[in-house]
């Protein structure tokens, strides 16, 4: 329990940031699933730049680690290349 005004403010800030991070991370996960579930190569290639941009932004604002973003991007690129 927060006993100081600064600790109470920090709790408020953390809650706002947690909800913000959850929102954007969930959006990125849904976009990744959409690319992985696509069987059409042209559609998947069209989606890749948007998903890559989402992952780069999440890494930039420290929602996810930059290495995780790089690993996800690499895996998606390999997946799209394997589509017929």
PDB file of N, CA and C in Angstrom:
ATOM      1  N   UNK A   1       0.843  -1.180   0.000  1.00  0.00           N
ATOM      2  CA  UNK A   1       0.000   0.000   0.000  1.00  0.00           C
ATOM      3  C   UNK A   1       0.886   1.241   0.000  1.00  0.00           C
ATOM      4  N   UNK A   2       0.523   2.201  -0.853  1.00  0.00           N
ATOM      5  CA  UNK A   2       1.324   3.419  -0.965  1.00  0.00           C
ATOM      6  C   UNK A   2       1.061   4.341   0.224  1.00  0.00           C
ATOM      7  N   UNK A   3       2.132   4.790   0.846  1.00  0.00           N
ATOM      8  CA  UNK A   3       2.007   5.679   2.001  1.00  0.00           C
ATOM      9  C   UNK A   3       2.410   7.109   1.695  1.00  0.00           C
ATOM     10  N   UNK A   4       2.961   7.364   0.525  1.00  0.00           N
ATOM     11  CA  UNK A   4       3.424   8.698   0.172  1.00  0.00           C
ATOM     12  C   UNK A   4       2.738   9.150  -1.107  1.00  0.00           C
ATOM     13  N   UNK A   5       2.543  10.439  -1.241  1.00  0.00           N
ATOM     14  CA  UNK A   5       1.891  10.941  -2.462  1.00  0.00           C
ATOM     15  C   UNK A   5       2.630  10.547  -3.738  1.00  0.00           C
ATOM     16  N   UNK A   6       3.951  10.553  -3.683  1.00  0.00           N
ATOM     17  CA  UNK A   6       4.717  10.197  -4.880  1.00  0.00           C
ATOM     18  C   UNK A   6       4.520   8.727  -5.240  1.00  0.00           C
ATOM     19  N   UNK A   7       4.377   7.862  -4.227  1.00  0.00           N
ATOM     20  CA  UNK A   7       4.136   6.442  -4.487  1.00  0.00           C
ATOM     21  C   UNK A   7       2.736   6.217  -5.053  1.00  0.00           C
ATOM     22  N   UNK A   8       1.766   7.005  -4.567  1.00  0.00           N
ATOM     23  CA  UNK A   8       0.412   6.906  -5.109  1.00  0.00           C
ATOM     24  C   UNK A   8       0.378   7.350  -6.566  1.00  0.00           C
ATOM     25  N   UNK A   9       1.105   8.415  -6.875  1.00  0.00           N
ATOM     26  CA  UNK A   9       1.178   8.895  -8.254  1.00  0.00           C
ATOM     27  C   UNK A   9       1.855   7.847  -9.133  1.00  0.00           C
ATOM     28  N   UNK A  10       2.911   7.255  -8.652  1.00  0.00           N
ATOM     29  CA  UNK A  10       3.623   6.228  -9.403  1.00  0.00           C
ATOM     30  C   UNK A  10       2.696   5.047  -9.694  1.00  0.00           C
ATOM     31  N   UNK A  11       1.851   4.665  -8.724  1.00  0.00           N
ATOM     32  CA  UNK A  11       0.893   3.581  -8.951  1.00  0.00           C
ATOM     33  C   UNK A  11      -0.097   3.939 -10.047  1.00  0.00           C
ATOM     34  N   UNK A  12      -0.562   5.194 -10.036  1.00  0.00           N
ATOM     35  CA  UNK A  12      -1.502   5.640 -11.079  1.00  0.00           C
ATOM     36  C   UNK A  12      -0.830   5.594 -12.449  1.00  0.00           C
ATOM     37  N   UNK A  13       0.406   6.064 -12.518  1.00  0.00           N
ATOM     38  CA  UNK A  13       1.132   6.071 -13.782  1.00  0.00           C
ATOM     39  C   UNK A  13       1.379   4.646 -14.284  1.00  0.00           C
ATOM     40  N   UNK A  14       1.770   3.767 -13.371  1.00  0.00           N
ATOM     41  CA  UNK A  14       2.039   2.386 -13.755  1.00  0.00           C
ATOM     42  C   UNK A  14       0.799   1.705 -14.301  1.00  0.00           C
ATOM     43  N   UNK A  15      -0.351   1.969 -13.700  1.00  0.00           N
ATOM     44  CA  UNK A  15      -1.596   1.351 -14.169  1.00  0.00           C
ATOM     45  C   UNK A  15      -1.953   1.845 -15.569  1.00  0.00           C
ATOM     46  N   UNK A  16      -1.809   3.157 -15.804  1.00  0.00           N
ATOM     47  CA  UNK A  16      -2.077   3.698 -17.137  1.00  0.00           C
ATOM     48  C   UNK A  16      -1.148   3.076 -18.172  1.00  0.00           C
ATOM     49  N   UNK A  17       0.121   2.980 -17.835  1.00  0.00           N
ATOM     50  CA  UNK A  17       1.098   2.431 -18.779  1.00  0.00           C
ATOM     51  C   UNK A  17       0.865   0.945 -19.017  1.00  0.00           C
ATOM     52  N   UNK A  18       0.450   0.232 -17.961  1.00  0.00           N
ATOM     53  CA  UNK A  18       0.187  -1.202 -18.112  1.00  0.00           C
ATOM     54  C   UNK A  18      -0.955  -1.427 -19.097  1.00  0.00           C
ATOM     55  N   UNK A  19      -2.016  -0.644 -18.969  1.00  0.00           N
ATOM     56  CA  UNK A  19      -3.145  -0.783 -19.885  1.00  0.00           C
ATOM     57  C   UNK A  19      -2.754  -0.394 -21.308  1.00  0.00           C
ATOM     58  N   UNK A  20      -1.964   0.664 -21.458  1.00  0.00           N
ATOM     59  CA  UNK A  20      -1.483   1.097 -22.769  1.00  0.00           C
ATOM     60  C   UNK A  20      -0.643   0.000 -23.401  1.00  0.00           C
ATOM     61  N   UNK A  21       0.273  -0.580 -22.624  1.00  0.00           N
ATOM     62  CA  UNK A  21       1.150  -1.625 -23.149  1.00  0.00           C
ATOM     63  C   UNK A  21       0.349  -2.866 -23.524  1.00  0.00           C
ATOM     64  N   UNK A  22      -0.633  -3.240 -22.698  1.00  0.00           N
ATOM     65  CA  UNK A  22      -1.465  -4.406 -23.002  1.00  0.00           C
ATOM     66  C   UNK A  22      -2.208  -4.216 -24.307  1.00  0.00           C
ATOM     67  N   UNK A  23      -2.751  -3.029 -24.517  1.00  0.00           N
ATOM     68  CA  UNK A  23      -3.520  -2.727 -25.728  1.00  0.00           C
ATOM     69  C   UNK A  23      -2.656  -2.904 -26.973  1.00  0.00           C
ATOM     70  N   UNK A  24      -1.473  -2.306 -26.984  1.00  0.00           N
ATOM     71  CA  UNK A  24      -0.627  -2.367 -28.165  1.00  0.00           C
ATOM     72  C   UNK A  24       0.007  -3.743 -28.347  1.00  0.00           C
ATOM     73  N   UNK A  25       0.358  -4.405 -27.269  1.00  0.00           N
ATOM     74  CA  UNK A  25       0.929  -5.747 -27.380  1.00  0.00           C
ATOM     75  C   UNK A  25      -0.122  -6.717 -27.906  1.00  0.00           C
ATOM     76  N   UNK A  26      -1.364  -6.592 -27.466  1.00  0.00           N
ATOM     77  CA  UNK A  26      -2.443  -7.462 -27.941  1.00  0.00           C
ATOM     78  C   UNK A  26      -2.691  -7.234 -29.427  1.00  0.00           C
ATOM     79  N   UNK A  27      -2.657  -5.985 -29.852  1.00  0.00           N
ATOM     80  CA  UNK A  27      -2.830  -5.682 -31.276  1.00  0.00           C
ATOM     81  C   UNK A  27      -1.743  -6.314 -32.123  1.00  0.00           C
ATOM     82  N   UNK A  28      -0.524  -6.273 -31.630  1.00  0.00           N
ATOM     83  CA  UNK A  28       0.590  -6.874 -32.372  1.00  0.00           C
ATOM     84  C   UNK A  28       0.446  -8.391 -32.420  1.00  0.00           C
ATOM     85  N   UNK A  29       0.050  -9.012 -31.304  1.00  0.00           N
ATOM     86  CA  UNK A  29      -0.135 -10.467 -31.300  1.00  0.00           C
ATOM     87  C   UNK A  29      -1.226 -10.882 -32.278  1.00  0.00           C
ATOM     88  N   UNK A  30      -2.312 -10.117 -32.345  1.00  0.00           N
ATOM     89  CA  UNK A  30      -3.382 -10.433 -33.288  1.00  0.00           C
ATOM     90  C   UNK A  30      -2.898 -10.296 -34.728  1.00  0.00           C
ATOM     91  N   UNK A  31      -2.083  -9.279 -34.996  1.00  0.00           N
ATOM     92  CA  UNK A  31      -1.560  -9.080 -36.343  1.00  0.00           C
ATOM     93  C   UNK A  31      -0.618 -10.223 -36.729  1.00  0.00           C
ATOM     94  N   UNK A  32       0.199 -10.674 -35.777  1.00  0.00           N
ATOM     95  CA  UNK A  32       1.110 -11.798 -36.038  1.00  0.00           C
ATOM     96  C   UNK A  32       0.307 -13.059 -36.341  1.00  0.00           C
ATOM     97  N   UNK A  33      -0.749 -13.304 -35.555  1.00  0.00           N
ATOM     98  CA  UNK A  33      -1.593 -14.480 -35.795  1.00  0.00           C
ATOM     99  C   UNK A  33      -2.252 -14.398 -37.166  1.00  0.00           C
ATOM    100  N   UNK A  34      -2.661 -13.201 -37.573  1.00  0.00           N
ATOM    101  CA  UNK A  34      -3.294 -13.036 -38.881  1.00  0.00           C
ATOM    102  C   UNK A  34      -2.324 -13.414 -40.000  1.00  0.00           C
ATOM    103  N   UNK A  35      -1.064 -13.010 -39.871  1.00  0.00           N
ATOM    104  CA  UNK A  35      -0.068 -13.360 -40.893  1.00  0.00           C
ATOM    105  C   UNK A  35       0.185 -14.864 -40.889  1.00  0.00           C
ATOM    106  N   UNK A  36       0.305 -15.449 -39.705  1.00  0.00           N
ATOM    107  CA  UNK A  36       0.595 -16.878 -39.618  1.00  0.00           C
ATOM    108  C   UNK A  36      -0.560 -17.741 -40.119  1.00  0.00           C
ATOM    109  N   UNK A  37      -1.789 -17.259 -39.954  1.00  0.00           N
ATOM    110  CA  UNK A  37      -2.955 -18.035 -40.375  1.00  0.00           C
ATOM    111  C   UNK A  37      -3.322 -17.822 -41.836  1.00  0.00           C
ATOM    112  N   UNK A  38      -2.654 -16.896 -42.506  1.00  0.00           N
ATOM    113  CA  UNK A  38      -2.929 -16.634 -43.909  1.00  0.00           C
ATOM    114  C   UNK A  38      -2.260 -17.690 -44.777  1.00  0.00           C
ATOM    115  N   UNK A  39      -3.014 -18.221 -45.722  1.00  0.00           N
ATOM    116  CA  UNK A  39      -2.443 -19.218 -46.635  1.00  0.00           C
ATOM    117  C   UNK A  39      -2.081 -18.597 -47.977  1.00  0.00           C
ATOM    118  N   UNK A  40      -2.552 -17.388 -48.250  1.00  0.00           N
ATOM    119  CA  UNK A  40      -2.251 -16.695 -49.503  1.00  0.00           C
ATOM    120  C   UNK A  40      -0.969 -15.888 -49.346  1.00  0.00           C
ATOM    121  N   UNK A  41       0.009 -16.204 -50.173  1.00  0.00           N
ATOM    122  CA  UNK A  41       1.315 -15.549 -50.043  1.00  0.00           C
ATOM    123  C   UNK A  41       1.231 -14.046 -50.332  1.00  0.00           C
ATOM    124  N   UNK A  42       0.461 -13.661 -51.333  1.00  0.00           N
ATOM    125  CA  UNK A  42       0.360 -12.242 -51.687  1.00  0.00           C
ATOM    126  C   UNK A  42      -0.233 -11.432 -50.533  1.00  0.00           C
ATOM    127  N   UNK A  43      -1.244 -11.981 -49.891  1.00  0.00           N
ATOM    128  CA  UNK A  43      -1.858 -11.274 -48.763  1.00  0.00           C
ATOM    129  C   UNK A  43      -0.881 -11.174 -47.598  1.00  0.00           C
ATOM    130  N   UNK A  44      -0.145 -12.251 -47.356  1.00  0.00           N
ATOM    131  CA  UNK A  44       0.815 -12.255 -46.257  1.00  0.00           C
ATOM    132  C   UNK A  44       1.932 -11.244 -46.512  1.00  0.00           C
ATOM    133  N   UNK A  45       2.409 -11.185 -47.754  1.00  0.00           N
ATOM    134  CA  UNK A  45       3.470 -10.227 -48.098  1.00  0.00           C
ATOM    135  C   UNK A  45       2.963  -8.801 -47.925  1.00  0.00           C
ATOM    136  N   UNK A  46       1.693  -8.573 -48.241  1.00  0.00           N
ATOM    137  CA  UNK A  46       1.120  -7.237 -48.086  1.00  0.00           C
ATOM    138  C   UNK A  46       0.995  -6.846 -46.609  1.00  0.00           C
ATOM    139  N   UNK A  47       0.762  -7.828 -45.743  1.00  0.00           N
ATOM    140  CA  UNK A  47       0.607  -7.542 -44.312  1.00  0.00           C
ATOM    141  C   UNK A  47       1.939  -7.341 -43.599  1.00  0.00           C
ATOM    142  N   UNK A  48       3.005  -7.930 -44.118  1.00  0.00           N
ATOM    143  CA  UNK A  48       4.291  -7.918 -43.412  1.00  0.00           C
ATOM    144  C   UNK A  48       4.791  -6.531 -43.024  1.00  0.00           C
ATOM    145  N   UNK A  49       4.818  -5.546 -43.933  1.00  0.00           N
ATOM    146  CA  UNK A  49       5.362  -4.236 -43.526  1.00  0.00           C
ATOM    147  C   UNK A  49       4.618  -3.605 -42.345  1.00  0.00           C
ATOM    148  N   UNK A  50       3.304  -3.783 -42.305  1.00  0.00           N
ATOM    149  CA  UNK A  50       2.532  -3.211 -41.202  1.00  0.00           C
ATOM    150  C   UNK A  50       2.871  -3.906 -39.888  1.00  0.00           C
ATOM    151  N   UNK A  51       3.001  -5.229 -39.937  1.00  0.00           N
ATOM    152  CA  UNK A  51       3.322  -5.983 -38.726  1.00  0.00           C
ATOM    153  C   UNK A  51       4.743  -5.652 -38.274  1.00  0.00           C
ATOM    154  N   UNK A  52       5.666  -5.559 -39.217  1.00  0.00           N
ATOM    155  CA  UNK A  52       7.043  -5.210 -38.871  1.00  0.00           C
ATOM    156  C   UNK A  52       7.094  -3.834 -38.210  1.00  0.00           C
ATOM    157  N   UNK A  53       6.324  -2.893 -38.732  1.00  0.00           N
ATOM    158  CA  UNK A  53       6.299  -1.550 -38.155  1.00  0.00           C
ATOM    159  C   UNK A  53       5.747  -1.586 -36.730  1.00  0.00           C
ATOM    160  N   UNK A  54       4.703  -2.404 -36.512  1.00  0.00           N
ATOM    161  CA  UNK A  54       4.143  -2.534 -35.160  1.00  0.00           C
ATOM    162  C   UNK A  54       5.194  -3.062 -34.199  1.00  0.00           C
ATOM    163  N   UNK A  55       5.904  -4.106 -34.615  1.00  0.00           N
ATOM    164  CA  UNK A  55       6.907  -4.716 -33.745  1.00  0.00           C
ATOM    165  C   UNK A  55       8.047  -3.738 -33.461  1.00  0.00           C
ATOM    166  N   UNK A  56       8.467  -2.994 -34.484  1.00  0.00           N
ATOM    167  CA  UNK A  56       9.531  -2.012 -34.287  1.00  0.00           C
ATOM    168  C   UNK A  56       9.103  -0.929 -33.295  1.00  0.00           C
ATOM    169  N   UNK A  57       7.844  -0.497 -33.399  1.00  0.00           N
ATOM    170  CA  UNK A  57       7.363   0.536 -32.481  1.00  0.00           C
ATOM    171  C   UNK A  57       7.302  -0.001 -31.053  1.00  0.00           C
ATOM    172  N   UNK A  58       6.820  -1.237 -30.887  1.00  0.00           N
ATOM    173  CA  UNK A  58       6.759  -1.820 -29.547  1.00  0.00           C
ATOM    174  C   UNK A  58       8.149  -1.940 -28.942  1.00  0.00           C
ATOM    175  N   UNK A  59       9.122  -2.300 -29.762  1.00  0.00           N
ATOM    176  CA  UNK A  59      10.493  -2.411 -29.257  1.00  0.00           C
ATOM    177  C   UNK A  59      11.043  -1.022 -28.909  1.00  0.00           C
ATOM    178  N   UNK A  60      10.705  -0.043 -29.724  1.00  0.00           N
ATOM    179  CA  UNK A  60      11.205   1.313 -29.506  1.00  0.00           C
ATOM    180  C   UNK A  60      10.700   1.910 -28.190  1.00  0.00           C
ATOM    181  N   UNK A  61       9.442   1.610 -27.857  1.00  0.00           N
ATOM    182  CA  UNK A  61       8.864   2.169 -26.628  1.00  0.00           C
ATOM    183  C   UNK A  61       8.958   1.186 -25.463  1.00  0.00           C
ATOM    184  N   UNK A  62       9.765   0.141 -25.619  1.00  0.00           N
ATOM    185  CA  UNK A  62      10.084  -0.820 -24.560  1.00  0.00           C
ATOM    186  C   UNK A  62       8.895  -1.615 -24.058  1.00  0.00           C
ATOM    187  N   UNK A  63       7.932  -1.880 -24.928  1.00  0.00           N
ATOM    188  CA  UNK A  63       6.857  -2.791 -24.553  1.00  0.00           C
ATOM    189  C   UNK A  63       7.372  -4.222 -24.678  1.00  0.00           C
ATOM    190  N   UNK A  64       8.137  -4.478 -25.746  1.00  0.00           N
ATOM    191  CA  UNK A  64       8.823  -5.758 -25.895  1.00  0.00           C
ATOM    192  C   UNK A  64      10.300  -5.475 -26.120  1.00  0.00           C
ATOM    193  N   UNK A  65      11.126  -6.469 -25.874  1.00  0.00           N
ATOM    194  CA  UNK A  65      12.568  -6.319 -26.052  1.00  0.00           C
ATOM    195  C   UNK A  65      12.903  -6.293 -27.543  1.00  0.00           C
ATOM    196  N   UNK A  66      13.930  -5.550 -27.915  1.00  0.00           N
ATOM    197  CA  UNK A  66      14.270  -5.429 -29.333  1.00  0.00           C
ATOM    198  C   UNK A  66      14.698  -6.757 -29.939  1.00  0.00           C
ATOM    199  N   UNK A  67      15.298  -7.639 -29.140  1.00  0.00           N
ATOM    200  CA  UNK A  67      15.658  -8.956 -29.671  1.00  0.00           C
ATOM    201  C   UNK A  67      14.417  -9.809 -29.925  1.00  0.00           C
ATOM    202  N   UNK A  68      13.423  -9.680 -29.077  1.00  0.00           N
ATOM    203  CA  UNK A  68      12.164 -10.410 -29.289  1.00  0.00           C
ATOM    204  C   UNK A  68      11.505  -9.928 -30.577  1.00  0.00           C
ATOM    205  N   UNK A  69      11.516  -8.628 -30.794  1.00  0.00           N
ATOM    206  CA  UNK A  69      10.942  -8.083 -32.022  1.00  0.00           C
ATOM    207  C   UNK A  69      11.694  -8.626 -33.244  1.00  0.00           C
ATOM    208  N   UNK A  70      13.010  -8.666 -33.153  1.00  0.00           N
ATOM    209  CA  UNK A  70      13.811  -9.174 -34.263  1.00  0.00           C
ATOM    210  C   UNK A  70      13.523 -10.652 -34.515  1.00  0.00           C
ATOM    211  N   UNK A  71      13.389 -11.440 -33.443  1.00  0.00           N
ATOM    212  CA  UNK A  71      13.090 -12.864 -33.602  1.00  0.00           C
ATOM    213  C   UNK A  71      11.709 -13.077 -34.210  1.00  0.00           C
ATOM    214  N   UNK A  72      10.736 -12.302 -33.793  1.00  0.00           N
ATOM    215  CA  UNK A  72       9.390 -12.422 -34.363  1.00  0.00           C
ATOM    216  C   UNK A  72       9.387 -12.050 -35.840  1.00  0.00           C
ATOM    217  N   UNK A  73      10.075 -10.961 -36.183  1.00  0.00           N
ATOM    218  CA  UNK A  73      10.140 -10.531 -37.577  1.00  0.00           C
ATOM    219  C   UNK A  73      10.817 -11.577 -38.439  1.00  0.00           C
ATOM    220  N   UNK A  74      11.884 -12.155 -37.928  1.00  0.00           N
ATOM    221  CA  UNK A  74      12.598 -13.186 -38.671  1.00  0.00           C
ATOM    222  C   UNK A  74      11.723 -14.409 -38.899  1.00  0.00           C
ATOM    223  N   UNK A  75      11.030 -14.844 -37.851  1.00  0.00           N
ATOM    224  CA  UNK A  75      10.163 -16.002 -37.976  1.00  0.00           C
ATOM    225  C   UNK A  75       9.024 -15.770 -38.947  1.00  0.00           C
ATOM    226  N   UNK A  76       8.457 -14.571 -38.934  1.00  0.00           N
ATOM    227  CA  UNK A  76       7.380 -14.259 -39.864  1.00  0.00           C
ATOM    228  C   UNK A  76       7.887 -14.230 -41.304  1.00  0.00           C
ATOM    229  N   UNK A  77       9.071 -13.677 -41.509  1.00  0.00           N
ATOM    230  CA  UNK A  77       9.636 -13.626 -42.856  1.00  0.00           C
ATOM    231  C   UNK A  77       9.867 -15.036 -43.393  1.00  0.00           C
ATOM    232  N   UNK A  78      10.387 -15.907 -42.546  1.00  0.00           N
ATOM    233  CA  UNK A  78      10.611 -17.296 -42.965  1.00  0.00           C
ATOM    234  C   UNK A  78       9.280 -17.972 -43.280  1.00  0.00           C
ATOM    235  N   UNK A  79       8.287 -17.735 -42.450  1.00  0.00           N
ATOM    236  CA  UNK A  79       6.968 -18.340 -42.656  1.00  0.00           C
ATOM    237  C   UNK A  79       6.365 -17.898 -43.990  1.00  0.00           C
ATOM    238  N   UNK A  80       6.458 -16.603 -44.300  1.00  0.00           N
ATOM    239  CA  UNK A  80       5.886 -16.085 -45.537  1.00  0.00           C
ATOM    240  C   UNK A  80       6.647 -16.628 -46.748  1.00  0.00           C
ATOM    241  N   UNK A  81       7.952 -16.769 -46.627  1.00  0.00           N
ATOM    242  CA  UNK A  81       8.736 -17.296 -47.749  1.00  0.00           C
ATOM    243  C   UNK A  81       8.359 -18.751 -48.056  1.00  0.00           C
ATOM    244  N   UNK A  82       7.959 -19.505 -47.057  1.00  0.00           N
ATOM    245  CA  UNK A  82       7.604 -20.915 -47.261  1.00  0.00           C
ATOM    246  C   UNK A  82       6.210 -21.094 -47.867  1.00  0.00           C
ATOM    247  N   UNK A  83       5.382 -20.045 -47.846  1.00  0.00           N
ATOM    248  CA  UNK A  83       4.047 -20.181 -48.418  1.00  0.00           C
ATOM    249  C   UNK A  83       4.136 -20.412 -49.924  1.00  0.00           C
ATOM    250  N   UNK A  84       3.218 -21.229 -50.427  1.00  0.00           N
ATOM    251  CA  UNK A  84       3.247 -21.571 -51.854  1.00  0.00           C
ATOM    252  C   UNK A  84       2.637 -20.457 -52.692  1.00  0.00           C
TER     253      UNK A  84
END
